[in-house]
Structure formats: C-alpha cells, structure tokens
C-alpha cells in the first residue's frame, strides 16, 4: 500500500470512531486529485434526530451512511475525486457516489470477509456492477 493510501485510510478509520453505532462504525474521506482532503463523513443518524434506537432494523432505517455524509457536507463539488472508506460501499451509496462524480473508491481488502458477505454481499455486488458500468475505479488497499 502506498503512503497516501495508508494516510487516507487511516484517517477514515479514525473518523469512523466518531460514529455512535455500537456494531459498525464507518468512516469516509473524499480526496481530490492533488491529494487534498475535500470532506469527511461517518455513519449516524441525521442531525437533530434522536440517536437512540429500538433495534437493528430501526437503526438501519435512520442511519445515514458515511459516504453520503461525506458528499453531503462538502463545500465544493466532489466530481473527479476519490473516496476512501473503511468498508465496501452498499448499492445505495454507490449510486450516490456515481451521481456526485466520484471516480475512484478505495477500501480495505480484508473487509470482504464472510460476515460482510452474509450481511451486505448482494448490495456490494450490485455496487460493483454499477461502478463498472459508470467507469468508477474500485481499489482495495
């Protein structure tokens, strides 16, 4: 892994700790082609919404994913940028990243483990298909 991949992925891991989710903390860092940080995000409930939840299904209905928060809170276009994420993106996030013009998605290879595949495999597969169709580069780091 090159030093820039490591730096941005390490930052994404740090940012993931800001999430209050007790089971899965996800962080994301958007970077431009000059290696400048454009935005960051972590998974959590929308601002102003009570962040306690009844059960996992309730939590999933209310959670805004790290990738969506990262592209939502930037003060400039993310077109042509890369995103570093602590976990592979779901299909919904992939669609949003494509719409915003993200050109490269980077995440750790080890996150494609059995547990991940059981929980998110179908959605991740669809995300890969959409990225391929849209010409978005996927890089495991």
N, C-alpha and C. Protein backbone atom coordinates (compact mmCIF):
# COMPACT_ATOMS: atom_id res chain seq x y z
N UNK A 1 0.86 -1.18 0.00
CA UNK A 1 0.00 0.00 0.00
C UNK A 1 0.90 1.23 0.00
N UNK A 2 0.61 2.18 -0.90
CA UNK A 2 1.44 3.38 -0.90
C UNK A 2 1.10 4.28 0.29
N UNK A 3 1.99 5.22 0.59
CA UNK A 3 1.83 6.03 1.80
C UNK A 3 0.56 6.88 1.79
N UNK A 4 0.13 7.34 0.62
CA UNK A 4 -1.07 8.17 0.56
C UNK A 4 -2.32 7.34 0.83
N UNK A 5 -2.37 6.13 0.25
CA UNK A 5 -3.50 5.24 0.55
C UNK A 5 -3.57 5.00 2.06
N UNK A 6 -2.43 4.70 2.65
CA UNK A 6 -2.40 4.42 4.08
C UNK A 6 -2.86 5.63 4.89
N UNK A 7 -2.38 6.80 4.54
CA UNK A 7 -2.77 8.01 5.28
C UNK A 7 -4.27 8.25 5.22
N UNK A 8 -4.84 8.17 4.02
CA UNK A 8 -6.26 8.46 3.88
C UNK A 8 -7.13 7.37 4.49
N UNK A 9 -6.70 6.13 4.38
CA UNK A 9 -7.46 5.04 5.01
C UNK A 9 -7.34 5.11 6.53
N UNK A 10 -6.16 5.43 7.04
CA UNK A 10 -6.00 5.60 8.49
C UNK A 10 -6.91 6.73 8.99
N UNK A 11 -6.99 7.81 8.23
CA UNK A 11 -7.87 8.91 8.61
C UNK A 11 -9.33 8.46 8.61
N UNK A 12 -9.72 7.70 7.60
CA UNK A 12 -11.10 7.18 7.54
C UNK A 12 -11.39 6.32 8.77
N UNK A 13 -10.42 5.47 9.16
CA UNK A 13 -10.61 4.64 10.37
C UNK A 13 -10.77 5.52 11.60
N UNK A 14 -9.96 6.58 11.70
CA UNK A 14 -10.09 7.49 12.85
C UNK A 14 -11.48 8.15 12.86
N UNK A 15 -11.89 8.63 11.72
CA UNK A 15 -13.19 9.31 11.63
C UNK A 15 -14.33 8.34 11.95
N UNK A 16 -14.16 7.06 11.62
CA UNK A 16 -15.22 6.08 11.93
C UNK A 16 -15.50 6.00 13.42
N UNK A 17 -14.51 6.32 14.26
CA UNK A 17 -14.70 6.25 15.71
C UNK A 17 -15.64 7.34 16.22
N UNK A 18 -15.94 8.31 15.38
CA UNK A 18 -16.88 9.36 15.76
C UNK A 18 -18.33 8.88 15.70
N UNK A 19 -18.56 7.77 15.03
CA UNK A 19 -19.91 7.21 14.93
C UNK A 19 -20.32 6.63 16.27
N UNK A 20 -21.59 6.80 16.62
CA UNK A 20 -22.13 6.22 17.85
C UNK A 20 -22.70 4.83 17.64
N UNK A 21 -22.63 4.32 16.42
CA UNK A 21 -23.17 2.99 16.13
C UNK A 21 -22.38 1.95 16.93
N UNK A 22 -23.07 1.17 17.75
CA UNK A 22 -22.34 0.19 18.58
C UNK A 22 -21.84 -1.03 17.82
N UNK A 23 -22.35 -1.28 16.62
CA UNK A 23 -21.95 -2.51 15.92
C UNK A 23 -21.04 -2.25 14.72
N UNK A 24 -21.27 -1.19 13.97
CA UNK A 24 -20.48 -0.93 12.77
C UNK A 24 -20.19 0.56 12.66
N UNK A 25 -18.94 0.91 12.84
CA UNK A 25 -18.53 2.31 12.68
C UNK A 25 -17.82 2.42 11.34
N UNK A 26 -18.31 3.34 10.51
CA UNK A 26 -17.77 3.51 9.16
C UNK A 26 -17.31 4.96 9.00
N UNK A 27 -16.15 5.12 8.38
CA UNK A 27 -15.62 6.44 8.10
C UNK A 27 -15.30 6.57 6.62
N UNK A 28 -15.36 7.81 6.11
CA UNK A 28 -15.07 8.08 4.70
C UNK A 28 -14.31 9.39 4.58
N UNK A 29 -13.37 9.42 3.62
CA UNK A 29 -12.58 10.62 3.34
C UNK A 29 -12.60 10.84 1.83
N UNK A 30 -13.04 12.02 1.40
CA UNK A 30 -13.04 12.38 -0.02
C UNK A 30 -11.78 13.20 -0.28
N UNK A 31 -11.06 12.81 -1.34
CA UNK A 31 -9.76 13.42 -1.66
C UNK A 31 -9.76 13.83 -3.13
N UNK A 32 -9.22 15.01 -3.42
CA UNK A 32 -9.14 15.44 -4.82
C UNK A 32 -7.88 14.89 -5.48
N UNK A 33 -7.68 15.22 -6.75
CA UNK A 33 -6.55 14.65 -7.50
C UNK A 33 -5.19 15.24 -7.10
N UNK A 34 -5.20 16.23 -6.21
CA UNK A 34 -3.95 16.79 -5.69
C UNK A 34 -3.68 16.33 -4.26
N UNK A 35 -4.40 15.28 -3.85
CA UNK A 35 -4.25 14.67 -2.52
C UNK A 35 -4.67 15.62 -1.39
N UNK A 36 -5.63 16.48 -1.68
CA UNK A 36 -6.18 17.38 -0.67
C UNK A 36 -7.50 16.81 -0.17
N UNK A 37 -7.70 16.85 1.12
CA UNK A 37 -8.94 16.36 1.72
C UNK A 37 -10.05 17.36 1.42
N UNK A 38 -11.12 16.85 0.82
CA UNK A 38 -12.25 17.67 0.44
C UNK A 38 -13.36 17.60 1.49
N UNK A 39 -13.57 16.40 2.04
CA UNK A 39 -14.64 16.21 3.02
C UNK A 39 -14.43 14.89 3.75
N UNK A 40 -15.09 14.76 4.88
CA UNK A 40 -15.08 13.51 5.64
C UNK A 40 -16.51 13.21 6.09
N UNK A 41 -16.76 11.96 6.44
CA UNK A 41 -18.08 11.59 6.95
C UNK A 41 -18.00 10.30 7.74
N UNK A 42 -18.98 10.11 8.60
CA UNK A 42 -19.11 8.87 9.35
C UNK A 42 -20.59 8.52 9.41
N UNK A 43 -20.90 7.25 9.71
CA UNK A 43 -22.29 6.83 9.72
C UNK A 43 -22.97 7.26 11.02
N UNK A 44 -24.22 7.65 10.90
CA UNK A 44 -25.01 8.05 12.06
C UNK A 44 -26.37 8.56 11.64
N UNK A 45 -27.16 8.91 12.63
CA UNK A 45 -28.50 9.43 12.37
C UNK A 45 -28.40 10.88 11.87
N UNK A 46 -29.42 11.35 11.16
CA UNK A 46 -29.41 12.74 10.69
C UNK A 46 -29.30 13.72 11.86
N UNK A 47 -28.74 14.88 11.60
CA UNK A 47 -28.60 15.93 12.61
C UNK A 47 -29.97 16.26 13.19
N UNK A 48 -30.03 16.37 14.50
CA UNK A 48 -31.27 16.75 15.17
C UNK A 48 -32.21 15.59 15.44
N UNK A 49 -31.85 14.39 15.01
CA UNK A 49 -32.70 13.21 15.22
C UNK A 49 -32.14 12.44 16.41
N UNK A 50 -33.03 12.02 17.31
CA UNK A 50 -32.64 11.23 18.48
C UNK A 50 -31.85 10.01 18.03
N UNK A 51 -30.65 9.85 18.56
CA UNK A 51 -29.78 8.77 18.09
C UNK A 51 -29.86 7.49 18.93
N UNK A 52 -30.92 7.35 19.70
CA UNK A 52 -31.16 6.06 20.35
C UNK A 52 -32.06 5.27 19.41
N UNK A 53 -31.94 3.96 19.46
CA UNK A 53 -32.76 3.15 18.57
C UNK A 53 -33.31 1.94 19.30
N UNK A 54 -34.40 1.41 18.76
CA UNK A 54 -35.10 0.29 19.39
C UNK A 54 -34.44 -1.04 19.04
N UNK A 55 -34.10 -1.21 17.78
CA UNK A 55 -33.50 -2.46 17.32
C UNK A 55 -32.71 -2.18 16.03
N UNK A 56 -32.06 -3.21 15.51
CA UNK A 56 -31.21 -3.06 14.32
C UNK A 56 -31.99 -2.54 13.12
N UNK A 57 -33.19 -3.07 12.88
CA UNK A 57 -33.98 -2.62 11.74
C UNK A 57 -34.32 -1.14 11.85
N UNK A 58 -34.67 -0.69 13.05
CA UNK A 58 -34.97 0.72 13.29
C UNK A 58 -33.73 1.58 13.03
N UNK A 59 -32.58 1.10 13.51
CA UNK A 59 -31.32 1.81 13.31
C UNK A 59 -31.02 1.94 11.81
N UNK A 60 -31.17 0.86 11.06
CA UNK A 60 -30.86 0.87 9.63
C UNK A 60 -31.75 1.84 8.86
N UNK A 61 -33.00 1.96 9.27
CA UNK A 61 -33.91 2.89 8.60
C UNK A 61 -33.49 4.34 8.79
N UNK A 62 -32.84 4.64 9.90
CA UNK A 62 -32.50 6.02 10.21
C UNK A 62 -31.05 6.41 9.92
N UNK A 63 -30.20 5.45 9.69
CA UNK A 63 -28.77 5.74 9.55
C UNK A 63 -28.43 6.34 8.18
N UNK A 64 -27.66 7.41 8.23
CA UNK A 64 -27.07 7.99 7.02
C UNK A 64 -25.66 7.42 6.95
N UNK A 65 -25.32 6.80 5.83
CA UNK A 65 -24.02 6.17 5.69
C UNK A 65 -22.90 7.20 5.57
N UNK A 66 -21.69 6.79 5.92
CA UNK A 66 -20.52 7.67 5.92
C UNK A 66 -20.28 8.33 4.56
N UNK A 67 -20.45 7.54 3.49
CA UNK A 67 -20.21 8.06 2.15
C UNK A 67 -21.16 9.20 1.82
N UNK A 68 -22.43 9.02 2.19
CA UNK A 68 -23.45 10.04 1.92
C UNK A 68 -23.15 11.29 2.75
N UNK A 69 -22.78 11.11 4.01
CA UNK A 69 -22.43 12.27 4.82
C UNK A 69 -21.22 13.00 4.24
N UNK A 70 -20.23 12.25 3.76
CA UNK A 70 -19.03 12.89 3.21
C UNK A 70 -19.35 13.75 1.98
N UNK A 71 -20.20 13.27 1.09
CA UNK A 71 -20.52 14.09 -0.09
C UNK A 71 -21.58 15.14 0.22
N UNK A 72 -22.31 14.98 1.31
CA UNK A 72 -23.34 15.95 1.67
C UNK A 72 -22.76 17.19 2.34
N UNK A 73 -21.67 17.04 3.06
CA UNK A 73 -21.14 18.15 3.86
C UNK A 73 -19.97 18.87 3.24
N UNK A 74 -19.63 18.54 2.01
CA UNK A 74 -18.55 19.26 1.35
C UNK A 74 -19.06 20.63 0.88
N UNK A 75 -18.14 21.54 0.78
CA UNK A 75 -18.50 22.89 0.31
C UNK A 75 -18.08 23.13 -1.13
N UNK A 76 -17.78 22.03 -1.82
CA UNK A 76 -17.42 22.14 -3.24
C UNK A 76 -17.82 20.85 -3.94
N UNK A 77 -17.71 20.85 -5.21
CA UNK A 77 -18.02 19.65 -5.98
C UNK A 77 -17.00 18.56 -5.67
N UNK A 78 -17.47 17.31 -5.66
CA UNK A 78 -16.57 16.18 -5.48
C UNK A 78 -16.32 15.47 -6.81
N UNK A 79 -16.77 16.09 -7.89
CA UNK A 79 -16.56 15.49 -9.21
C UNK A 79 -15.07 15.32 -9.48
N UNK A 80 -14.69 14.11 -9.90
CA UNK A 80 -13.30 13.81 -10.18
C UNK A 80 -12.50 13.38 -8.96
N UNK A 81 -13.14 13.32 -7.80
CA UNK A 81 -12.45 12.96 -6.56
C UNK A 81 -12.47 11.45 -6.31
N UNK A 82 -11.64 11.04 -5.37
CA UNK A 82 -11.61 9.66 -4.87
C UNK A 82 -12.20 9.65 -3.46
N UNK A 83 -12.68 8.49 -3.04
CA UNK A 83 -13.18 8.35 -1.67
C UNK A 83 -12.54 7.12 -1.04
N UNK A 84 -12.08 7.29 0.19
CA UNK A 84 -11.52 6.20 0.99
C UNK A 84 -12.54 5.87 2.07
N UNK A 85 -12.90 4.58 2.15
CA UNK A 85 -13.96 4.15 3.06
C UNK A 85 -13.46 2.95 3.86
N UNK A 86 -13.84 2.89 5.12
CA UNK A 86 -13.41 1.77 5.97
C UNK A 86 -14.09 0.46 5.61
N UNK A 87 -15.20 0.53 4.88
CA UNK A 87 -15.97 -0.65 4.49
C UNK A 87 -16.36 -0.51 3.01
N UNK A 88 -16.56 -1.61 2.32
CA UNK A 88 -17.05 -1.51 0.94
C UNK A 88 -18.43 -0.85 0.90
N UNK A 89 -18.71 -0.03 -0.09
CA UNK A 89 -19.99 0.68 -0.15
C UNK A 89 -21.15 -0.22 -0.57
N UNK A 90 -22.33 0.10 -0.05
CA UNK A 90 -23.56 -0.58 -0.46
C UNK A 90 -24.03 -0.02 -1.81
N UNK A 91 -25.02 -0.64 -2.39
CA UNK A 91 -25.53 -0.21 -3.70
C UNK A 91 -26.09 1.21 -3.65
N UNK A 92 -26.81 1.55 -2.60
CA UNK A 92 -27.39 2.88 -2.48
C UNK A 92 -26.28 3.95 -2.45
N UNK A 93 -25.25 3.71 -1.65
CA UNK A 93 -24.14 4.67 -1.58
C UNK A 93 -23.39 4.73 -2.91
N UNK A 94 -23.23 3.59 -3.56
CA UNK A 94 -22.56 3.56 -4.87
C UNK A 94 -23.30 4.48 -5.84
N UNK A 95 -24.61 4.38 -5.86
CA UNK A 95 -25.41 5.22 -6.77
C UNK A 95 -25.19 6.70 -6.47
N UNK A 96 -25.16 7.05 -5.20
CA UNK A 96 -24.96 8.45 -4.82
C UNK A 96 -23.55 8.92 -5.18
N UNK A 97 -22.55 8.07 -4.95
CA UNK A 97 -21.18 8.44 -5.32
C UNK A 97 -21.05 8.64 -6.83
N UNK A 98 -21.68 7.78 -7.60
CA UNK A 98 -21.67 7.92 -9.06
C UNK A 98 -22.32 9.24 -9.46
N UNK A 99 -23.46 9.54 -8.89
CA UNK A 99 -24.18 10.78 -9.23
C UNK A 99 -23.36 12.02 -8.90
N UNK A 100 -22.52 11.93 -7.87
CA UNK A 100 -21.69 13.07 -7.48
C UNK A 100 -20.38 13.15 -8.26
N UNK A 101 -20.10 12.17 -9.11
CA UNK A 101 -18.91 12.23 -9.95
C UNK A 101 -17.65 11.67 -9.32
N UNK A 102 -17.77 10.89 -8.26
CA UNK A 102 -16.60 10.23 -7.67
C UNK A 102 -16.02 9.28 -8.73
N UNK A 103 -14.71 9.30 -8.91
CA UNK A 103 -14.09 8.48 -9.97
C UNK A 103 -13.34 7.26 -9.43
N UNK A 104 -13.04 7.25 -8.12
CA UNK A 104 -12.32 6.11 -7.55
C UNK A 104 -12.79 5.86 -6.13
N UNK A 105 -13.02 4.58 -5.82
CA UNK A 105 -13.47 4.16 -4.50
C UNK A 105 -12.44 3.20 -3.94
N UNK A 106 -11.90 3.50 -2.76
CA UNK A 106 -10.86 2.69 -2.13
C UNK A 106 -11.34 2.22 -0.76
N UNK A 107 -11.13 0.95 -0.47
CA UNK A 107 -11.49 0.39 0.83
C UNK A 107 -10.60 -0.81 1.12
N UNK A 108 -10.52 -1.24 2.38
CA UNK A 108 -9.63 -2.34 2.73
C UNK A 108 -10.10 -3.68 2.18
N UNK A 109 -9.17 -4.44 1.65
CA UNK A 109 -9.50 -5.75 1.09
C UNK A 109 -10.05 -6.70 2.14
N UNK A 110 -9.54 -6.64 3.35
CA UNK A 110 -9.97 -7.57 4.38
C UNK A 110 -11.44 -7.39 4.78
N UNK A 111 -12.07 -6.31 4.37
CA UNK A 111 -13.48 -6.09 4.72
C UNK A 111 -14.42 -6.97 3.88
N UNK A 112 -13.89 -7.74 2.97
CA UNK A 112 -14.72 -8.61 2.15
C UNK A 112 -14.82 -10.00 2.77
N UNK A 113 -14.80 -10.07 4.11
CA UNK A 113 -14.82 -11.33 4.81
C UNK A 113 -16.21 -11.99 4.78
N UNK A 114 -16.30 -13.17 5.34
CA UNK A 114 -17.54 -13.96 5.31
C UNK A 114 -18.71 -13.20 5.95
N UNK A 115 -18.49 -12.61 7.11
CA UNK A 115 -19.57 -11.89 7.79
C UNK A 115 -20.09 -10.74 6.92
N UNK A 116 -19.16 -10.01 6.30
CA UNK A 116 -19.56 -8.93 5.41
C UNK A 116 -20.40 -9.48 4.26
N UNK A 117 -19.93 -10.56 3.65
CA UNK A 117 -20.65 -11.16 2.52
C UNK A 117 -22.05 -11.60 2.91
N UNK A 118 -22.19 -12.15 4.11
CA UNK A 118 -23.51 -12.60 4.58
C UNK A 118 -24.48 -11.43 4.72
N UNK A 119 -23.98 -10.34 5.26
CA UNK A 119 -24.85 -9.20 5.56
C UNK A 119 -25.04 -8.26 4.36
N UNK A 120 -23.96 -8.00 3.61
CA UNK A 120 -24.00 -6.96 2.58
C UNK A 120 -23.63 -7.45 1.19
N UNK A 121 -23.40 -8.75 1.01
CA UNK A 121 -22.88 -9.28 -0.24
C UNK A 121 -23.68 -8.90 -1.48
N UNK A 122 -24.99 -9.03 -1.43
CA UNK A 122 -25.83 -8.74 -2.59
C UNK A 122 -25.74 -7.25 -2.94
N UNK A 123 -25.81 -6.41 -1.93
CA UNK A 123 -25.75 -4.97 -2.16
C UNK A 123 -24.37 -4.56 -2.69
N UNK A 124 -23.30 -5.14 -2.13
CA UNK A 124 -21.96 -4.82 -2.59
C UNK A 124 -21.76 -5.28 -4.03
N UNK A 125 -22.28 -6.45 -4.37
CA UNK A 125 -22.17 -6.94 -5.74
C UNK A 125 -22.84 -5.96 -6.71
N UNK A 126 -24.01 -5.49 -6.34
CA UNK A 126 -24.72 -4.53 -7.18
C UNK A 126 -23.94 -3.22 -7.28
N UNK A 127 -23.32 -2.81 -6.18
CA UNK A 127 -22.48 -1.61 -6.19
C UNK A 127 -21.33 -1.78 -7.18
N UNK A 128 -20.68 -2.94 -7.16
CA UNK A 128 -19.59 -3.21 -8.10
C UNK A 128 -20.08 -3.13 -9.54
N UNK A 129 -21.24 -3.71 -9.81
CA UNK A 129 -21.80 -3.66 -11.17
C UNK A 129 -22.02 -2.22 -11.62
N UNK A 130 -22.61 -1.40 -10.74
CA UNK A 130 -22.86 0.00 -11.09
C UNK A 130 -21.56 0.76 -11.30
N UNK A 131 -20.58 0.54 -10.41
CA UNK A 131 -19.29 1.21 -10.57
C UNK A 131 -18.66 0.84 -11.91
N UNK A 132 -18.70 -0.44 -12.26
CA UNK A 132 -18.14 -0.89 -13.54
C UNK A 132 -18.85 -0.23 -14.72
N UNK A 133 -20.18 -0.20 -14.68
CA UNK A 133 -20.96 0.41 -15.77
C UNK A 133 -20.65 1.89 -15.91
N UNK A 134 -20.44 2.57 -14.76
CA UNK A 134 -20.22 4.02 -14.78
C UNK A 134 -18.75 4.39 -14.95
N UNK A 135 -17.86 3.39 -14.99
CA UNK A 135 -16.45 3.67 -15.15
C UNK A 135 -15.74 4.16 -13.90
N UNK A 136 -16.31 3.85 -12.75
CA UNK A 136 -15.68 4.23 -11.47
C UNK A 136 -14.68 3.14 -11.09
N UNK A 137 -13.48 3.55 -10.79
CA UNK A 137 -12.42 2.60 -10.43
C UNK A 137 -12.61 2.14 -8.98
N UNK A 138 -12.51 0.84 -8.74
CA UNK A 138 -12.56 0.28 -7.40
C UNK A 138 -11.15 -0.20 -7.07
N UNK A 139 -10.67 0.19 -5.89
CA UNK A 139 -9.34 -0.23 -5.49
C UNK A 139 -9.37 -0.72 -4.05
N UNK A 140 -8.99 -1.97 -3.84
CA UNK A 140 -8.84 -2.46 -2.46
C UNK A 140 -7.42 -2.15 -2.02
N UNK A 141 -7.30 -1.60 -0.85
CA UNK A 141 -5.98 -1.17 -0.34
C UNK A 141 -5.71 -1.80 1.00
